[in-house]
C-alpha atoms as a PDB file:
ATOM      1  CA  MET A   1       3.475 -98.605  69.026  1.00  0.00           C
ATOM      2  CA  LEU A   2       0.504 -99.920  66.652  1.00  0.00           C
ATOM      3  CA  ALA A   3       1.803-103.607  67.863  1.00  0.00           C
ATOM      4  CA  LEU A   4       1.635-102.461  71.232  1.00  0.00           C
ATOM      5  CA  SER A   5      -1.440-101.000  70.982  1.00  0.00           C
ATOM      6  CA  GLY A   6      -2.570-104.203  68.895  1.00  0.00           C
ATOM      7  CA  LEU A   7      -1.107-106.345  72.067  1.00  0.00           C
ATOM      8  CA  VAL A   8      -3.263-104.231  74.436  1.00  0.00           C
ATOM      9  CA  LEU A   9      -6.354-104.343  72.437  1.00  0.00           C
ATOM     10  CA  VAL A  10      -5.686-108.108  71.759  1.00  0.00           C
ATOM     11  CA  LEU A  11      -5.194-108.876  75.817  1.00  0.00           C
ATOM     12  CA  PHE A  12      -8.740-107.096  76.352  1.00  0.00           C
ATOM     13  CA  GLY A  13     -10.478-109.693  74.242  1.00  0.00           C
ATOM     14  CA  VAL A  14     -10.560-108.407  70.626  1.00  0.00           C
ATOM     15  CA  SER A  15      -9.415-110.718  68.052  1.00  0.00           C
ATOM     16  CA  TRP A  16      -7.116-110.721  66.091  1.00  0.00           C
ATOM     17  CA  TRP A  17      -9.701-110.916  62.685  1.00  0.00           C
ATOM     18  CA  THR A  18     -11.332-107.619  64.339  1.00  0.00           C
ATOM     19  CA  LEU A  19      -7.823-105.510  64.424  1.00  0.00           C
ATOM     20  CA  LEU A  20      -6.727-106.745  60.384  1.00  0.00           C
ATOM     21  CA  THR A  21     -10.350-105.369  59.708  1.00  0.00           C
ATOM     22  CA  LEU A  22      -9.835-102.364  61.382  1.00  0.00           C
ATOM     23  CA  VAL A  23      -6.293-101.798  60.531  1.00  0.00           C
ATOM     24  CA  LEU A  24      -7.380-102.290  56.462  1.00  0.00           C
ATOM     25  CA  LEU A  25     -10.837 -99.869  57.153  1.00  0.00           C
ATOM     26  CA  LEU A  26      -8.308 -97.652  58.848  1.00  0.00           C
ATOM     27  CA  ALA A  27      -5.542 -97.648  55.730  1.00  0.00           C
ATOM     28  CA  CYS A  28      -7.939 -97.526  52.667  1.00  0.00           C
ATOM     29  CA  PRO A  29      -8.863 -93.441  53.548  1.00  0.00           C
ATOM     30  CA  ALA A  30      -5.294 -92.875  54.520  1.00  0.00           C
ATOM     31  CA  VAL A  31      -4.178 -94.173  50.968  1.00  0.00           C
ATOM     32  CA  MET A  32      -7.148 -92.189  49.310  1.00  0.00           C
ATOM     33  CA  ALA A  33      -6.143 -89.244  50.979  1.00  0.00           C
ATOM     34  CA  THR A  34      -2.457 -89.374  50.442  1.00  0.00           C
ATOM     35  CA  VAL A  35      -3.095 -90.181  46.749  1.00  0.00           C
ATOM     36  CA  THR A  36      -5.562 -87.178  46.484  1.00  0.00           C
ATOM     37  CA  TYR A  37      -2.763 -84.998  47.778  1.00  0.00           C
ATOM     38  CA  LEU A  38      -0.006 -86.156  45.836  1.00  0.00           C
ATOM     39  CA  SER A  39      -2.233 -85.741  42.577  1.00  0.00           C
ATOM     40  CA  LEU A  40      -3.096 -82.009  43.398  1.00  0.00           C
ATOM     41  CA  GLN A  41       1.016 -81.298  43.679  1.00  0.00           C
ATOM     42  CA  PRO A  42       2.118 -79.557  40.278  1.00  0.00           C
ATOM     43  CA  LEU A  43       3.750 -81.612  37.761  1.00  0.00           C
ATOM     44  CA  PRO A  44       7.769 -80.830  37.726  1.00  0.00           C
ATOM     45  CA  THR A  45       8.276 -79.058  34.353  1.00  0.00           C
ATOM     46  CA  PRO A  46      11.951 -79.661  32.108  1.00  0.00           C
ATOM     47  CA  GLU A  47      14.490 -77.663  32.523  1.00  0.00           C
ATOM     48  CA  GLN A  48      14.496 -75.523  29.653  1.00  0.00           C
ATOM     49  CA  LYS A  49      17.981 -75.409  27.637  1.00  0.00           C
ATOM     50  CA  SER A  50      19.919 -71.726  27.206  1.00  0.00           C
ATOM     51  CA  GLY A  51      20.819 -71.174  23.514  1.00  0.00           C
ATOM     52  CA  PRO A  52      19.953 -73.516  20.176  1.00  0.00           C
ATOM     53  CA  GLU A  53      19.598 -76.616  20.315  1.00  0.00           C
ATOM     54  CA  LYS A  54      22.539 -78.713  19.471  1.00  0.00           C
ATOM     55  CA  SER A  55      21.807 -81.900  16.696  1.00  0.00           C
ATOM     56  CA  ASP A  56      23.604 -85.149  17.770  1.00  0.00           C
ATOM     57  CA  LYS A  57      26.341 -86.119  15.310  1.00  0.00           C
END
């Protein structure tokens, strides 16, 4: 769908450089939002062992 919409815009006179700039400008906030969402997730905790710890021989 993205390629089709880009083709339609080019047919109406929008240049490839304008499309590239638009994609980069839209991608930056999307990446920032994704990183922010992932950074707000709690870190996984390691599983606790049951019983006394064993030493390797």
